[in-house]
Amino acid sequence: MKVNQVHYAFFNQLLQLLADAGVSREQLIAELGRRGVNASPVAESVSSGVEGMVLLETASDLSGDPSLMIRLGQELGIASYGSYGFALMSCPNVREVARLMRRYGQVLVQPRWKAYEHEGGLWLRAGISRGTAAQRQLFAELVFSNVAAASRTLYGSTAERRAEGIELHLSYPRPAHWACYKRVFNLPVTFDCEHNQLFLPAQVLDTPVRTANRAQHVVFQQQCEEIMRGLDSALETTAAVRQLLIESAGHFINIAQVAERLHVSERTLRRRLEAESTSFRSVFDEIRDLLAREYLAKTELTIADIAHLLDYAETVNFRRAFVRWNGVTPSQYRQQQAA
């Protein structure tokens, strides 16, 4: 998953809603230009930054629909999140979902999240501080509407049964279109609060995700780590190889297949990795070691199952490699982590 691909999906969905309101892409681009936003890379700059805030406000003004951001949040499916969405869908429960939102949410069309324990529950606070008051309101509507839509995908009817005690606090006055809040959120909403945040009581945090899968969760979470690492990485080839290997976990691709996907020859790939002081074998072993430790610490998979997932024909070969990487056997490592 590339971050700009997620933003591109968001931008396309926004264009569709505008088209339904009789507003063309050209009208949007022209109005953005008048408001001082460089429209050409706008699909890649959708965020809580200044240009992203102007985009939301411009779209809302052109549509004439004050609830446009709430509608947009409902339309954005969790599958459009790429690896981040799959990581959320494979979480065991709501508590883990909240943890992933705090760590990875900012790489998407989301704010930075912070969490605060309080009286047996958790306040999940959205960091929305940039832009004008009107722009911050639009962004909050988009974010929390999208959270509500994602929750229905993750928990289905279970969430409805266990939603008692959830509260939504918003930092702006109650808007004229607040009736649509009741339809979308179906929970108590309080306006004019100090922060934009959700309160999740303990029983909600324990709600299982209906698509939970611990083995897949390890892989998707590592893909998210690679995305974040790649945002600032100077070692572009190494980061790209890491991401491709993690994405193929369970059916690892070889160096020829990696080179093909990167549109370079195998020889060029080897040379570029060497220039970054590494090799394909080193990166491959790094990824297998990383996933091995995650599987051992966070799943109940057998050693044989883990060896199979990491593409070892014989479990004994996996044990030898793990000892070489970590100085202990897989069983010893699991015991250490449990302790």
C-alpha atoms as a PDB file:
ATOM      1  CA  MET A   1       0.000   0.000   0.000  1.00  0.00           C
ATOM      2  CA  LYS A   2       1.236   3.477  -0.829  1.00  0.00           C
ATOM      3  CA  VAL A   3      -0.080   6.370   1.186  1.00  0.00           C
ATOM      4  CA  ASN A   4      -0.967   8.374  -1.922  1.00  0.00           C
ATOM      5  CA  GLN A   5      -3.071   5.440  -3.182  1.00  0.00           C
ATOM      6  CA  VAL A   6      -5.234   5.735  -0.064  1.00  0.00           C
ATOM      7  CA  HIS A   7      -5.542   9.472  -0.580  1.00  0.00           C
ATOM      8  CA  TYR A   8      -6.356   8.844  -4.234  1.00  0.00           C
ATOM      9  CA  ALA A   9      -9.268   6.573  -3.228  1.00  0.00           C
ATOM     10  CA  PHE A  10     -10.501   9.270  -0.853  1.00  0.00           C
ATOM     11  CA  PHE A  11     -10.258  11.957  -3.524  1.00  0.00           C
ATOM     12  CA  ASN A  12     -12.158   9.865  -6.065  1.00  0.00           C
ATOM     13  CA  GLN A  13     -14.982   9.211  -3.604  1.00  0.00           C
ATOM     14  CA  LEU A  14     -15.163  12.935  -2.868  1.00  0.00           C
ATOM     15  CA  LEU A  15     -15.358  13.669  -6.596  1.00  0.00           C
ATOM     16  CA  GLN A  16     -18.220  11.196  -6.928  1.00  0.00           C
ATOM     17  CA  LEU A  17     -20.240  12.910  -4.199  1.00  0.00           C
ATOM     18  CA  LEU A  18     -19.563  16.281  -5.799  1.00  0.00           C
ATOM     19  CA  ALA A  19     -20.650  14.954  -9.191  1.00  0.00           C
ATOM     20  CA  ASP A  20     -23.904  13.807  -7.610  1.00  0.00           C
ATOM     21  CA  ALA A  21     -24.349  17.408  -6.431  1.00  0.00           C
ATOM     22  CA  GLY A  22     -23.656  18.757  -9.934  1.00  0.00           C
ATOM     23  CA  VAL A  23     -20.069  19.879  -9.246  1.00  0.00           C
ATOM     24  CA  SER A  24     -17.358  18.797 -11.683  1.00  0.00           C
ATOM     25  CA  ARG A  25     -13.734  18.020 -10.988  1.00  0.00           C
ATOM     26  CA  GLU A  26     -12.771  21.058 -13.077  1.00  0.00           C
ATOM     27  CA  GLN A  27     -14.919  23.324 -10.914  1.00  0.00           C
ATOM     28  CA  LEU A  28     -13.293  21.947  -7.772  1.00  0.00           C
ATOM     29  CA  ILE A  29      -9.770  22.369  -9.161  1.00  0.00           C
ATOM     30  CA  ALA A  30     -10.512  25.917 -10.324  1.00  0.00           C
ATOM     31  CA  GLU A  31     -11.934  26.940  -6.954  1.00  0.00           C
ATOM     32  CA  LEU A  32      -8.984  25.403  -5.125  1.00  0.00           C
ATOM     33  CA  GLY A  33      -6.679  27.493  -7.298  1.00  0.00           C
ATOM     34  CA  ARG A  34      -8.589  30.643  -6.395  1.00  0.00           C
ATOM     35  CA  ARG A  35      -8.115  29.750  -2.743  1.00  0.00           C
ATOM     36  CA  GLY A  36      -4.377  29.389  -3.169  1.00  0.00           C
ATOM     37  CA  VAL A  37      -4.077  25.584  -3.258  1.00  0.00           C
ATOM     38  CA  ASN A  38      -1.913  23.913  -5.911  1.00  0.00           C
ATOM     39  CA  ALA A  39      -4.494  21.514  -7.273  1.00  0.00           C
ATOM     40  CA  SER A  40      -2.260  19.187  -9.300  1.00  0.00           C
ATOM     41  CA  PRO A  41      -0.976  17.102  -6.350  1.00  0.00           C
ATOM     42  CA  VAL A  42      -4.092  17.610  -4.241  1.00  0.00           C
ATOM     43  CA  ALA A  43      -5.042  13.905  -4.222  1.00  0.00           C
ATOM     44  CA  GLU A  44      -1.704  13.173  -2.532  1.00  0.00           C
ATOM     45  CA  SER A  45      -1.987  15.930   0.073  1.00  0.00           C
ATOM     46  CA  VAL A  46      -5.336  15.005   1.611  1.00  0.00           C
ATOM     47  CA  SER A  47      -4.698  15.077   5.344  1.00  0.00           C
ATOM     48  CA  SER A  48      -5.111  17.252   8.387  1.00  0.00           C
ATOM     49  CA  GLY A  49      -2.603  19.673   6.827  1.00  0.00           C
ATOM     50  CA  VAL A  50      -3.550  23.102   5.529  1.00  0.00           C
ATOM     51  CA  GLU A  51      -4.176  22.059   1.895  1.00  0.00           C
ATOM     52  CA  GLY A  52      -6.296  19.116   2.993  1.00  0.00           C
ATOM     53  CA  MET A  53      -8.418  21.374   5.197  1.00  0.00           C
ATOM     54  CA  VAL A  54      -8.957  23.825   2.323  1.00  0.00           C
ATOM     55  CA  LEU A  55      -9.988  20.923   0.085  1.00  0.00           C
ATOM     56  CA  LEU A  56     -12.680  19.808   2.546  1.00  0.00           C
ATOM     57  CA  GLU A  57     -14.027  23.328   2.959  1.00  0.00           C
ATOM     58  CA  THR A  58     -14.017  24.013  -0.779  1.00  0.00           C
ATOM     59  CA  ALA A  59     -15.865  20.780  -1.561  1.00  0.00           C
ATOM     60  CA  SER A  60     -18.443  21.481   1.137  1.00  0.00           C
ATOM     61  CA  ASP A  61     -19.028  25.037  -0.094  1.00  0.00           C
ATOM     62  CA  LEU A  62     -19.402  23.998  -3.741  1.00  0.00           C
ATOM     63  CA  SER A  63     -21.816  21.174  -2.941  1.00  0.00           C
ATOM     64  CA  GLY A  64     -24.081  23.346  -0.808  1.00  0.00           C
ATOM     65  CA  ASP A  65     -24.441  20.325   1.499  1.00  0.00           C
ATOM     66  CA  PRO A  66     -23.316  21.017   5.089  1.00  0.00           C
ATOM     67  CA  SER A  67     -23.370  17.277   5.847  1.00  0.00           C
ATOM     68  CA  LEU A  68     -21.085  16.362   2.920  1.00  0.00           C
ATOM     69  CA  MET A  69     -18.197  15.234   5.150  1.00  0.00           C
ATOM     70  CA  ILE A  70     -20.465  12.993   7.200  1.00  0.00           C
ATOM     71  CA  ARG A  71     -21.687  11.392   3.983  1.00  0.00           C
ATOM     72  CA  LEU A  72     -18.123  11.034   2.706  1.00  0.00           C
ATOM     73  CA  GLY A  73     -17.033   9.308   5.906  1.00  0.00           C
ATOM     74  CA  GLN A  74     -19.840   6.788   5.471  1.00  0.00           C
ATOM     75  CA  GLU A  75     -18.866   6.069   1.861  1.00  0.00           C
ATOM     76  CA  LEU A  76     -15.174   5.346   2.498  1.00  0.00           C
ATOM     77  CA  GLY A  77     -14.928   1.591   2.937  1.00  0.00           C
ATOM     78  CA  ILE A  78     -12.310   0.086   5.208  1.00  0.00           C
ATOM     79  CA  ALA A  79     -10.903  -1.880   2.255  1.00  0.00           C
ATOM     80  CA  SER A  80      -9.746   1.442   0.748  1.00  0.00           C
ATOM     81  CA  TYR A  81      -7.263   1.685   3.639  1.00  0.00           C
ATOM     82  CA  GLY A  82      -5.090  -1.022   2.073  1.00  0.00           C
ATOM     83  CA  SER A  83      -2.789  -2.802   4.527  1.00  0.00           C
ATOM     84  CA  TYR A  84      -3.964  -0.575   7.382  1.00  0.00           C
ATOM     85  CA  GLY A  85      -7.557  -1.648   6.773  1.00  0.00           C
ATOM     86  CA  PHE A  86      -6.617  -5.318   6.672  1.00  0.00           C
ATOM     87  CA  ALA A  87      -4.610  -4.868   9.877  1.00  0.00           C
ATOM     88  CA  LEU A  88      -7.722  -3.420  11.543  1.00  0.00           C
ATOM     89  CA  MET A  89      -9.949  -6.226  10.251  1.00  0.00           C
ATOM     90  CA  SER A  90      -7.574  -8.882  11.608  1.00  0.00           C
ATOM     91  CA  CYS A  91      -7.386  -7.337  15.121  1.00  0.00           C
ATOM     92  CA  PRO A  92      -8.632  -9.560  17.963  1.00  0.00           C
ATOM     93  CA  ASN A  93     -10.673  -6.832  19.708  1.00  0.00           C
ATOM     94  CA  VAL A  94     -11.504  -3.124  19.957  1.00  0.00           C
ATOM     95  CA  ARG A  95      -8.574  -2.415  22.277  1.00  0.00           C
ATOM     96  CA  GLU A  96      -6.126  -3.555  19.602  1.00  0.00           C
ATOM     97  CA  VAL A  97      -8.023  -1.547  16.971  1.00  0.00           C
ATOM     98  CA  ALA A  98      -7.566   1.574  19.112  1.00  0.00           C
ATOM     99  CA  ARG A  99      -3.850   0.835  19.449  1.00  0.00           C
ATOM    100  CA  LEU A 100      -3.435   0.550  15.682  1.00  0.00           C
ATOM    101  CA  MET A 101      -5.356   3.773  15.116  1.00  0.00           C
ATOM    102  CA  ARG A 102      -2.954   5.590  17.419  1.00  0.00           C
ATOM    103  CA  ARG A 103       0.112   4.214  15.693  1.00  0.00           C
ATOM    104  CA  TYR A 104      -0.863   4.198  12.014  1.00  0.00           C
ATOM    105  CA  GLY A 105      -3.881   6.471  11.585  1.00  0.00           C
ATOM    106  CA  GLN A 106      -1.852   9.553  10.728  1.00  0.00           C
ATOM    107  CA  VAL A 107      -0.463   8.007   7.534  1.00  0.00           C
ATOM    108  CA  LEU A 108      -3.992   8.016   6.100  1.00  0.00           C
ATOM    109  CA  VAL A 109      -6.805  10.550   5.893  1.00  0.00           C
ATOM    110  CA  GLN A 110      -6.905  10.636   9.682  1.00  0.00           C
ATOM    111  CA  PRO A 111      -5.550  12.742  12.548  1.00  0.00           C
ATOM    112  CA  ARG A 112      -3.025  11.713  15.148  1.00  0.00           C
ATOM    113  CA  TRP A 113      -4.860   9.791  17.843  1.00  0.00           C
ATOM    114  CA  LYS A 114      -4.035   9.753  21.537  1.00  0.00           C
ATOM    115  CA  ALA A 115      -5.519   7.520  24.220  1.00  0.00           C
ATOM    116  CA  TYR A 116      -6.207   8.223  27.885  1.00  0.00           C
ATOM    117  CA  GLU A 117      -7.313   5.598  30.414  1.00  0.00           C
ATOM    118  CA  HIS A 118     -10.215   6.797  32.539  1.00  0.00           C
ATOM    119  CA  GLU A 119     -12.439   4.954  35.020  1.00  0.00           C
ATOM    120  CA  GLY A 120     -12.269   1.563  33.388  1.00  0.00           C
ATOM    121  CA  GLY A 121     -12.504   2.870  29.858  1.00  0.00           C
ATOM    122  CA  LEU A 122     -10.506   4.678  27.223  1.00  0.00           C
ATOM    123  CA  TRP A 123     -10.729   8.178  25.768  1.00  0.00           C
ATOM    124  CA  LEU A 124      -9.620   8.076  22.126  1.00  0.00           C
ATOM    125  CA  ARG A 125      -8.782  11.676  21.239  1.00  0.00           C
ATOM    126  CA  ALA A 126      -8.342  13.017  17.697  1.00  0.00           C
ATOM    127  CA  GLY A 127      -5.605  15.628  17.279  1.00  0.00           C
ATOM    128  CA  ILE A 128      -7.405  18.214  15.117  1.00  0.00           C
ATOM    129  CA  SER A 129      -5.715  21.555  15.618  1.00  0.00           C
ATOM    130  CA  ARG A 130      -4.955  23.053  12.197  1.00  0.00           C
ATOM    131  CA  GLY A 131      -7.185  25.229  10.058  1.00  0.00           C
ATOM    132  CA  THR A 132     -10.101  27.490  10.869  1.00  0.00           C
ATOM    133  CA  ALA A 133     -12.896  26.501  13.221  1.00  0.00           C
ATOM    134  CA  ALA A 134     -15.111  25.640  10.235  1.00  0.00           C
ATOM    135  CA  GLN A 135     -12.382  23.496   8.667  1.00  0.00           C
ATOM    136  CA  ARG A 136     -11.732  21.637  11.931  1.00  0.00           C
ATOM    137  CA  GLN A 137     -15.444  20.878  12.212  1.00  0.00           C
ATOM    138  CA  LEU A 138     -15.529  19.435   8.688  1.00  0.00           C
ATOM    139  CA  PHE A 139     -12.488  17.276   9.384  1.00  0.00           C
ATOM    140  CA  ALA A 140     -13.975  16.019  12.668  1.00  0.00           C
ATOM    141  CA  GLU A 141     -17.220  15.127  10.894  1.00  0.00           C
ATOM    142  CA  LEU A 142     -15.298  13.185   8.254  1.00  0.00           C
ATOM    143  CA  VAL A 143     -13.127  11.350  10.783  1.00  0.00           C
ATOM    144  CA  PHE A 144     -15.802  10.263  13.241  1.00  0.00           C
ATOM    145  CA  SER A 145     -18.302   9.391  10.519  1.00  0.00           C
ATOM    146  CA  ASN A 146     -15.661   7.165   8.971  1.00  0.00           C
ATOM    147  CA  VAL A 147     -14.918   5.573  12.370  1.00  0.00           C
ATOM    148  CA  ALA A 148     -18.627   4.802  12.733  1.00  0.00           C
ATOM    149  CA  ALA A 149     -18.727   3.217   9.270  1.00  0.00           C
ATOM    150  CA  ALA A 150     -15.594   1.163   9.973  1.00  0.00           C
ATOM    151  CA  SER A 151     -17.028  -0.090  13.268  1.00  0.00           C
ATOM    152  CA  ARG A 152     -19.994  -1.630  11.481  1.00  0.00           C
ATOM    153  CA  THR A 153     -17.599  -3.504   9.193  1.00  0.00           C
ATOM    154  CA  LEU A 154     -15.433  -4.695  12.079  1.00  0.00           C
ATOM    155  CA  TYR A 155     -18.042  -5.667  14.653  1.00  0.00           C
ATOM    156  CA  GLY A 156     -21.396  -5.889  12.852  1.00  0.00           C
ATOM    157  CA  SER A 157     -24.383  -6.455  15.108  1.00  0.00           C
ATOM    158  CA  THR A 158     -22.090  -7.169  18.061  1.00  0.00           C
ATOM    159  CA  ALA A 159     -21.183  -3.498  18.269  1.00  0.00           C
ATOM    160  CA  GLU A 160     -24.845  -2.470  18.400  1.00  0.00           C
ATOM    161  CA  ARG A 161     -25.479  -4.799  21.358  1.00  0.00           C
ATOM    162  CA  ARG A 162     -22.431  -3.613  23.318  1.00  0.00           C
ATOM    163  CA  ALA A 163     -22.463   0.093  22.452  1.00  0.00           C
ATOM    164  CA  GLU A 164     -23.912   1.214  25.786  1.00  0.00           C
ATOM    165  CA  GLY A 165     -21.604   3.705  27.441  1.00  0.00           C
ATOM    166  CA  ILE A 166     -19.873   4.979  24.289  1.00  0.00           C
ATOM    167  CA  GLU A 167     -19.824   8.778  24.095  1.00  0.00           C
ATOM    168  CA  LEU A 168     -18.776  11.201  21.382  1.00  0.00           C
ATOM    169  CA  HIS A 169     -17.504  14.632  22.435  1.00  0.00           C
ATOM    170  CA  LEU A 170     -17.029  17.366  19.821  1.00  0.00           C
ATOM    171  CA  SER A 171     -15.303  20.712  20.278  1.00  0.00           C
ATOM    172  CA  TYR A 172     -17.700  22.854  18.229  1.00  0.00           C
ATOM    173  CA  PRO A 173     -21.297  24.067  18.724  1.00  0.00           C
ATOM    174  CA  ARG A 174     -24.200  21.891  17.640  1.00  0.00           C
ATOM    175  CA  PRO A 175     -24.648  22.484  13.874  1.00  0.00           C
ATOM    176  CA  ALA A 176     -27.933  23.054  12.101  1.00  0.00           C
ATOM    177  CA  HIS A 177     -27.655  19.642  10.427  1.00  0.00           C
ATOM    178  CA  TRP A 178     -27.126  17.806  13.709  1.00  0.00           C
ATOM    179  CA  ALA A 179     -30.069  15.481  13.040  1.00  0.00           C
ATOM    180  CA  CYS A 180     -27.857  13.485  10.670  1.00  0.00           C
ATOM    181  CA  TYR A 181     -25.453  12.915  13.575  1.00  0.00           C
ATOM    182  CA  LYS A 182     -28.161  10.888  15.315  1.00  0.00           C
ATOM    183  CA  ARG A 183     -28.699   8.756  12.219  1.00  0.00           C
ATOM    184  CA  VAL A 184     -24.986   8.097  11.670  1.00  0.00           C
ATOM    185  CA  PHE A 185     -23.621   7.713  15.193  1.00  0.00           C
ATOM    186  CA  ASN A 186     -26.556   6.274  17.160  1.00  0.00           C
ATOM    187  CA  LEU A 187     -24.911   7.239  20.463  1.00  0.00           C
ATOM    188  CA  PRO A 188     -24.837  10.264  22.800  1.00  0.00           C
ATOM    189  CA  VAL A 189     -23.109  13.262  21.184  1.00  0.00           C
ATOM    190  CA  THR A 190     -22.051  16.272  23.266  1.00  0.00           C
ATOM    191  CA  PHE A 191     -21.032  19.557  21.622  1.00  0.00           C
ATOM    192  CA  ASP A 192     -18.916  22.498  22.836  1.00  0.00           C
ATOM    193  CA  CYS A 193     -16.423  20.171  24.526  1.00  0.00           C
ATOM    194  CA  GLU A 194     -12.723  20.803  25.044  1.00  0.00           C
ATOM    195  CA  HIS A 195     -11.634  17.969  22.732  1.00  0.00           C
ATOM    196  CA  ASN A 196     -12.838  15.843  19.814  1.00  0.00           C
ATOM    197  CA  GLN A 197     -12.861  12.354  21.296  1.00  0.00           C
ATOM    198  CA  LEU A 198     -14.629   9.055  21.829  1.00  0.00           C
ATOM    199  CA  PHE A 199     -15.095   7.343  25.180  1.00  0.00           C
ATOM    200  CA  LEU A 200     -14.969   3.545  24.966  1.00  0.00           C
ATOM    201  CA  PRO A 201     -15.981   1.715  28.174  1.00  0.00           C
ATOM    202  CA  ALA A 202     -14.237  -1.499  29.211  1.00  0.00           C
ATOM    203  CA  GLN A 203     -16.935  -3.832  27.884  1.00  0.00           C
ATOM    204  CA  VAL A 204     -16.619  -2.241  24.446  1.00  0.00           C
ATOM    205  CA  LEU A 205     -12.814  -2.568  24.459  1.00  0.00           C
ATOM    206  CA  ASP A 206     -13.268  -6.315  24.894  1.00  0.00           C
ATOM    207  CA  THR A 207     -15.606  -6.592  21.888  1.00  0.00           C
ATOM    208  CA  PRO A 208     -14.135  -9.110  19.408  1.00  0.00           C
ATOM    209  CA  VAL A 209     -13.591  -8.192  15.788  1.00  0.00           C
ATOM    210  CA  ARG A 210     -15.600 -10.598  13.677  1.00  0.00           C
ATOM    211  CA  THR A 211     -12.828 -10.993  11.080  1.00  0.00           C
ATOM    212  CA  ALA A 212     -10.025 -11.479  13.638  1.00  0.00           C
ATOM    213  CA  ASN A 213      -7.045 -13.506  12.438  1.00  0.00           C
ATOM    214  CA  ARG A 214      -3.884 -13.393  14.543  1.00  0.00           C
ATOM    215  CA  ALA A 215      -1.555 -14.864  11.925  1.00  0.00           C
ATOM    216  CA  GLN A 216      -2.691 -12.402   9.241  1.00  0.00           C
ATOM    217  CA  HIS A 217      -2.647  -9.567  11.777  1.00  0.00           C
ATOM    218  CA  VAL A 218       1.085 -10.010  12.298  1.00  0.00           C
ATOM    219  CA  VAL A 219       1.753  -9.688   8.571  1.00  0.00           C
ATOM    220  CA  PHE A 220      -0.534  -6.696   7.982  1.00  0.00           C
ATOM    221  CA  GLN A 221       0.843  -4.875  11.015  1.00  0.00           C
ATOM    222  CA  GLN A 222       4.369  -5.312   9.689  1.00  0.00           C
ATOM    223  CA  GLN A 223       3.231  -3.937   6.333  1.00  0.00           C
ATOM    224  CA  CYS A 224       2.028  -0.836   8.189  1.00  0.00           C
ATOM    225  CA  GLU A 225       5.420  -0.585   9.892  1.00  0.00           C
ATOM    226  CA  GLU A 226       7.123  -0.699   6.520  1.00  0.00           C
ATOM    227  CA  ILE A 227       4.840   2.043   5.222  1.00  0.00           C
ATOM    228  CA  MET A 228       5.758   4.282   8.141  1.00  0.00           C
ATOM    229  CA  ARG A 229       9.443   3.434   7.834  1.00  0.00           C
ATOM    230  CA  GLY A 230       9.344   4.113   4.119  1.00  0.00           C
ATOM    231  CA  LEU A 231       7.916   7.619   4.592  1.00  0.00           C
ATOM    232  CA  ASP A 232      11.293   8.908   5.740  1.00  0.00           C
ATOM    233  CA  SER A 233      13.622   6.172   4.519  1.00  0.00           C
ATOM    234  CA  ALA A 234      16.662   7.123   2.481  1.00  0.00           C
ATOM    235  CA  LEU A 235      17.260   3.432   1.666  1.00  0.00           C
ATOM    236  CA  GLU A 236      14.535   3.284  -0.940  1.00  0.00           C
ATOM    237  CA  THR A 237      15.442  -0.068  -2.550  1.00  0.00           C
ATOM    238  CA  THR A 238      15.814  -1.868   0.785  1.00  0.00           C
ATOM    239  CA  ALA A 239      12.487  -0.481   1.998  1.00  0.00           C
ATOM    240  CA  ALA A 240      10.768  -1.549  -1.229  1.00  0.00           C
ATOM    241  CA  VAL A 241      12.174  -5.087  -0.976  1.00  0.00           C
ATOM    242  CA  ARG A 242      11.107  -5.331   2.675  1.00  0.00           C
ATOM    243  CA  GLN A 243       7.565  -4.301   1.815  1.00  0.00           C
ATOM    244  CA  LEU A 244       7.263  -6.763  -1.083  1.00  0.00           C
ATOM    245  CA  LEU A 245       8.567  -9.625   1.060  1.00  0.00           C
ATOM    246  CA  ILE A 246       6.174  -8.863   3.903  1.00  0.00           C
ATOM    247  CA  GLU A 247       3.251  -8.591   1.487  1.00  0.00           C
ATOM    248  CA  SER A 248       4.120 -12.032   0.105  1.00  0.00           C
ATOM    249  CA  ALA A 249       4.513 -13.657   3.554  1.00  0.00           C
ATOM    250  CA  GLY A 250       3.271 -17.243   3.458  1.00  0.00           C
ATOM    251  CA  HIS A 251       4.208 -17.492  -0.221  1.00  0.00           C
ATOM    252  CA  PHE A 252       7.466 -15.549  -0.340  1.00  0.00           C
ATOM    253  CA  ILE A 253       8.566 -14.301  -3.732  1.00  0.00           C
ATOM    254  CA  ASN A 254      12.178 -14.755  -4.852  1.00  0.00           C
ATOM    255  CA  ILE A 255      14.696 -12.161  -5.978  1.00  0.00           C
ATOM    256  CA  ALA A 256      13.742 -12.508  -9.639  1.00  0.00           C
ATOM    257  CA  GLN A 257      10.081 -11.831  -8.825  1.00  0.00           C
ATOM    258  CA  VAL A 258      11.019  -8.890  -6.614  1.00  0.00           C
ATOM    259  CA  ALA A 259      13.149  -7.412  -9.402  1.00  0.00           C
ATOM    260  CA  GLU A 260      10.286  -7.845 -11.863  1.00  0.00           C
ATOM    261  CA  ARG A 261       7.849  -5.998  -9.583  1.00  0.00           C
ATOM    262  CA  LEU A 262      10.347  -3.187  -9.113  1.00  0.00           C
ATOM    263  CA  HIS A 263      10.844  -3.008 -12.910  1.00  0.00           C
ATOM    264  CA  VAL A 264      14.598  -3.578 -12.740  1.00  0.00           C
ATOM    265  CA  SER A 265      16.885  -6.436 -13.677  1.00  0.00           C
ATOM    266  CA  GLU A 266      18.006  -8.859 -10.986  1.00  0.00           C
ATOM    267  CA  ARG A 267      21.564  -7.619 -11.454  1.00  0.00           C
ATOM    268  CA  THR A 268      20.495  -3.995 -10.953  1.00  0.00           C
ATOM    269  CA  LEU A 269      18.552  -4.938  -7.838  1.00  0.00           C
ATOM    270  CA  ARG A 270      21.569  -6.672  -6.341  1.00  0.00           C
ATOM    271  CA  ARG A 271      23.763  -3.678  -7.153  1.00  0.00           C
ATOM    272  CA  ARG A 272      21.343  -1.210  -5.553  1.00  0.00           C
ATOM    273  CA  LEU A 273      21.043  -3.300  -2.410  1.00  0.00           C
ATOM    274  CA  GLU A 274      24.819  -3.539  -2.224  1.00  0.00           C
ATOM    275  CA  ALA A 275      25.024   0.252  -2.491  1.00  0.00           C
ATOM    276  CA  GLU A 276      22.727   0.403   0.553  1.00  0.00           C
ATOM    277  CA  SER A 277      25.093  -1.966   2.431  1.00  0.00           C
ATOM    278  CA  THR A 278      22.834  -5.007   2.342  1.00  0.00           C
ATOM    279  CA  SER A 279      21.792  -7.964   0.167  1.00  0.00           C
ATOM    280  CA  PHE A 280      18.621  -9.780  -0.796  1.00  0.00           C
ATOM    281  CA  ARG A 281      19.497 -12.691   1.499  1.00  0.00           C
ATOM    282  CA  SER A 282      20.077 -10.320   4.431  1.00  0.00           C
ATOM    283  CA  VAL A 283      16.759  -8.540   3.897  1.00  0.00           C
ATOM    284  CA  PHE A 284      14.953 -11.870   3.447  1.00  0.00           C
ATOM    285  CA  ASP A 285      16.405 -13.227   6.694  1.00  0.00           C
ATOM    286  CA  GLU A 286      15.553  -9.965   8.461  1.00  0.00           C
ATOM    287  CA  ILE A 287      11.906 -10.263   7.430  1.00  0.00           C
ATOM    288  CA  ARG A 288      11.676 -13.948   8.356  1.00  0.00           C
ATOM    289  CA  ASP A 289      13.261 -13.256  11.751  1.00  0.00           C
ATOM    290  CA  LEU A 290      10.922 -10.306  12.323  1.00  0.00           C
ATOM    291  CA  LEU A 291       7.820 -12.324  11.476  1.00  0.00           C
ATOM    292  CA  ALA A 292       9.049 -15.352  13.435  1.00  0.00           C
ATOM    293  CA  ARG A 293       9.397 -13.295  16.617  1.00  0.00           C
ATOM    294  CA  GLU A 294       5.973 -11.705  16.062  1.00  0.00           C
ATOM    295  CA  TYR A 295       4.313 -15.089  15.514  1.00  0.00           C
ATOM    296  CA  LEU A 296       5.976 -16.563  18.601  1.00  0.00           C
ATOM    297  CA  ALA A 297       5.070 -13.635  20.834  1.00  0.00           C
ATOM    298  CA  LYS A 298       1.567 -12.854  19.583  1.00  0.00           C
ATOM    299  CA  THR A 299       0.031 -16.122  18.358  1.00  0.00           C
ATOM    300  CA  GLU A 300      -0.400 -19.692  19.537  1.00  0.00           C
ATOM    301  CA  LEU A 301       0.786 -21.174  16.253  1.00  0.00           C
ATOM    302  CA  THR A 302       2.991 -24.245  16.620  1.00  0.00           C
ATOM    303  CA  ILE A 303       6.679 -24.054  15.757  1.00  0.00           C
ATOM    304  CA  ALA A 304       5.976 -26.261  12.740  1.00  0.00           C
ATOM    305  CA  ASP A 305       3.187 -23.947  11.549  1.00  0.00           C
ATOM    306  CA  ILE A 306       5.457 -20.918  11.866  1.00  0.00           C
ATOM    307  CA  ALA A 307       8.218 -22.702   9.965  1.00  0.00           C
ATOM    308  CA  HIS A 308       5.731 -23.430   7.165  1.00  0.00           C
ATOM    309  CA  LEU A 309       4.527 -19.794   7.058  1.00  0.00           C
ATOM    310  CA  LEU A 310       8.141 -18.662   6.762  1.00  0.00           C
ATOM    311  CA  ASP A 311       8.759 -20.959   3.799  1.00  0.00           C
ATOM    312  CA  TYR A 312      10.893 -23.591   5.534  1.00  0.00           C
ATOM    313  CA  ALA A 313      10.481 -27.124   4.185  1.00  0.00           C
ATOM    314  CA  GLU A 314      11.773 -28.605   7.463  1.00  0.00           C
ATOM    315  CA  THR A 315      11.041 -27.328  10.974  1.00  0.00           C
ATOM    316  CA  VAL A 316      14.581 -28.184  12.066  1.00  0.00           C
ATOM    317  CA  ASN A 317      15.974 -25.729   9.510  1.00  0.00           C
ATOM    318  CA  PHE A 318      13.801 -22.977  10.936  1.00  0.00           C
ATOM    319  CA  ARG A 319      14.994 -23.772  14.472  1.00  0.00           C
ATOM    320  CA  ARG A 320      18.627 -23.579  13.376  1.00  0.00           C
ATOM    321  CA  ALA A 321      18.081 -20.262  11.621  1.00  0.00           C
ATOM    322  CA  PHE A 322      16.225 -18.800  14.596  1.00  0.00           C
ATOM    323  CA  VAL A 323      19.036 -19.774  16.963  1.00  0.00           C
ATOM    324  CA  ARG A 324      21.519 -18.166  14.579  1.00  0.00           C
ATOM    325  CA  TRP A 325      19.477 -14.940  14.519  1.00  0.00           C
ATOM    326  CA  ASN A 326      18.572 -14.696  18.210  1.00  0.00           C
ATOM    327  CA  GLY A 327      20.821 -17.001  20.227  1.00  0.00           C
ATOM    328  CA  VAL A 328      17.862 -18.965  21.631  1.00  0.00           C
ATOM    329  CA  THR A 329      15.470 -21.584  20.270  1.00  0.00           C
ATOM    330  CA  PRO A 330      11.940 -20.606  19.182  1.00  0.00           C
ATOM    331  CA  SER A 331      10.479 -22.329  22.252  1.00  0.00           C
ATOM    332  CA  GLN A 332      12.844 -20.495  24.577  1.00  0.00           C
ATOM    333  CA  TYR A 333      11.991 -17.172  22.922  1.00  0.00           C
ATOM    334  CA  ARG A 334       8.257 -17.813  23.336  1.00  0.00           C
ATOM    335  CA  GLN A 335       8.766 -18.649  27.017  1.00  0.00           C
ATOM    336  CA  GLN A 336      10.765 -15.457  27.526  1.00  0.00           C
ATOM    337  CA  GLN A 337       8.047 -13.369  25.920  1.00  0.00           C
ATOM    338  CA  ALA A 338       5.333 -15.034  27.986  1.00  0.00           C
ATOM    339  CA  ALA A 339       7.292 -14.344  31.166  1.00  0.00           C
END
